Amino acid sequence: MADYLYKHRIMTDLTDCFGFNATDEAAHKSDFDTNHKAGCYVVDDLETMATVFLIDKTYAEFEALIDGNTITWGDVKLEIGQNFYDLYILTDTPL
């Protein structure tokens, strides 16, 4: 049986990074820091030991997965990197 891993990366520092929209990344970081970060479960690293379908989402698509009932921000795993936040939702059924 496979799991579904939904992911979004927010860039927190675009120094020496190319290919990102600085305005969008700053807006996503600000919204996440202000409204959602405190509710997430912080992890050092996320490793999967089973078959996983990785689904990348935009910030808006990722936020839309969190309905407040079935999935809350407390279900989101947050990996804080040097210049990014990786957000993950792991489920056994597609969303």
Protein backbone atom coordinates (compact mmCIF):
# COMPACT_ATOMS: atom_id res chain seq x y z
CA MET A 1 0.00 0.00 0.00
CA ALA A 2 1.30 3.44 -0.87
CA ASP A 3 1.04 6.70 1.05
CA TYR A 4 0.62 10.20 -0.33
CA LEU A 5 3.08 12.90 0.69
CA TYR A 6 1.96 16.43 -0.10
CA LYS A 7 4.75 18.98 -0.01
CA HIS A 8 5.39 22.69 -0.39
CA ARG A 9 8.66 24.58 0.05
CA ILE A 10 8.66 28.21 1.19
CA MET A 11 11.93 29.98 0.55
CA THR A 12 12.85 32.12 3.57
CA ASP A 13 16.04 33.69 2.15
CA LEU A 14 16.58 34.12 -1.57
CA THR A 15 20.22 35.18 -1.31
CA ASP A 16 22.11 33.26 -4.02
CA CYS A 17 18.88 31.55 -5.15
CA PHE A 18 17.49 31.90 -8.64
CA GLY A 19 14.19 31.03 -10.28
CA PHE A 20 11.90 32.17 -7.48
CA ASN A 21 9.45 35.06 -7.36
CA ALA A 22 10.74 37.12 -4.42
CA THR A 23 7.41 38.88 -3.87
CA ASP A 24 5.44 35.62 -3.75
CA GLU A 25 7.96 33.90 -1.47
CA ALA A 26 7.97 36.87 0.95
CA ALA A 27 4.16 36.88 1.02
CA HIS A 28 3.99 33.13 1.66
CA LYS A 29 6.63 33.32 4.40
CA SER A 30 4.83 36.21 6.10
CA ASP A 31 1.44 34.48 5.96
CA PHE A 32 2.86 31.17 7.20
CA ASP A 33 4.90 32.77 10.03
CA THR A 34 1.93 34.85 11.17
CA ASN A 35 -0.93 32.38 10.81
CA HIS A 36 0.23 28.77 10.70
CA LYS A 37 3.81 28.09 11.84
CA ALA A 38 3.00 27.85 15.55
CA GLY A 39 0.46 25.09 14.90
CA CYS A 40 2.77 22.80 12.90
CA TYR A 41 4.72 19.82 14.18
CA VAL A 42 8.43 20.62 13.74
CA VAL A 43 10.66 17.75 12.57
CA ASP A 44 14.40 17.61 11.95
CA ASP A 45 14.08 15.48 8.85
CA LEU A 46 11.39 13.48 7.13
CA GLU A 47 12.29 10.04 5.81
CA THR A 48 9.79 7.66 4.32
CA MET A 49 10.17 3.92 4.75
CA ALA A 50 7.38 2.85 2.41
CA THR A 51 6.21 3.51 -1.11
CA VAL A 52 5.16 7.15 -1.31
CA PHE A 53 3.63 9.25 -4.04
CA LEU A 54 5.18 12.74 -3.73
CA ILE A 55 2.83 15.52 -4.76
CA ASP A 56 4.22 19.06 -4.94
CA LYS A 57 1.68 21.80 -4.31
CA THR A 58 1.70 25.56 -4.59
CA TYR A 59 1.24 27.44 -1.33
CA ALA A 60 -2.43 28.12 -2.12
CA GLU A 61 -3.05 24.46 -3.03
CA PHE A 62 -1.29 23.27 0.13
CA GLU A 63 -3.34 25.63 2.33
CA ALA A 64 -6.51 24.38 0.67
CA LEU A 65 -5.74 20.80 1.80
CA ILE A 66 -6.08 21.91 5.42
CA ASP A 67 -9.79 21.95 6.05
CA GLY A 68 -9.60 22.33 9.85
CA ASN A 69 -11.58 19.11 10.42
CA THR A 70 -9.96 16.13 8.74
CA ILE A 71 -6.58 17.84 8.40
CA THR A 72 -5.37 20.68 10.63
CA TRP A 73 -2.13 22.63 10.80
CA GLY A 74 -1.18 20.29 13.66
CA ASP A 75 -0.99 17.50 11.06
CA VAL A 76 1.56 19.45 9.02
CA LYS A 77 5.17 18.40 9.50
CA LEU A 78 7.54 21.38 9.27
CA GLU A 79 11.21 21.02 8.43
CA ILE A 80 13.12 24.27 8.95
CA GLY A 81 16.19 24.53 6.74
CA GLN A 82 18.81 27.22 6.44
CA ASN A 83 16.85 29.18 3.85
CA PHE A 84 13.56 27.31 3.51
CA TYR A 85 10.56 25.77 5.22
CA ASP A 86 9.39 22.40 3.92
CA LEU A 87 5.76 21.65 4.70
CA TYR A 88 4.48 18.06 4.54
CA ILE A 89 1.17 16.26 4.91
CA LEU A 90 1.34 12.45 4.87
CA THR A 91 -1.86 10.48 4.29
CA ASP A 92 -2.83 6.96 3.34
CA THR A 93 -5.58 8.23 1.03
CA PRO A 94 -5.39 10.82 -1.76
CA LEU A 95 -6.71 14.28 -0.92
